[in-house]
Amino acid sequence: MRTKGCSRLTGLVLVVLLTVILGSPAFGHDRDPCTVDTLDGLYVFTATGFSVPTPPTPALPKAIIELIRFNGDGTLTVPGVTVSLNGVIPPVPPGGTGTYTVADIPGDEACAGTIVFASGTSFNTVFAHSAKTIWMIQTNPTNVFQGTATKLSH
């Protein structure tokens, strides 16, 4: 038969354990803020959508698969890219560059940011602190284009 002292001790141990476990970084507390070094490594970006020229020309389907290396310092390079615009695949040389920003989303366990390639193409981004997957949407006018970038390596 248990005594009240033993039951109180068990309750106290349970409270302490829950406090330690729920307060650990694995549960999202005491996490590092989102900064440019949150994105560091090689990603593959895949996206589909449309380029919308001036009417009466219809919207043109487009798709992309691209390697993006985030350098952890707000700069990026593009080691390779293939684009299809209305079924035409123009040659695009590797070696593109760009910049990116990263910030915390207030009150959430996520990051947001922007990417601007040297060509002028720009995206808004959202991703978790782990930065394993980045959701991206193009912000240039006359484009309806969104996709994801998945981390391949550091």
Foldseek 3Di string as FASTA:
>chain_A
DDDPVVVVVVVVVVVVVCCVVCCDVVVPHPDDWKWLLLQAAKWWWKKKWWQADDPPDHTWIKIKIWIWGRHSPFKIFTQDMWMATNNDTDDDHGTWMWGKTWGDDPPDQKIKIKIATPVGWIWIWIGGSNPQKIWIATDDPRIGMITMIGGDGD
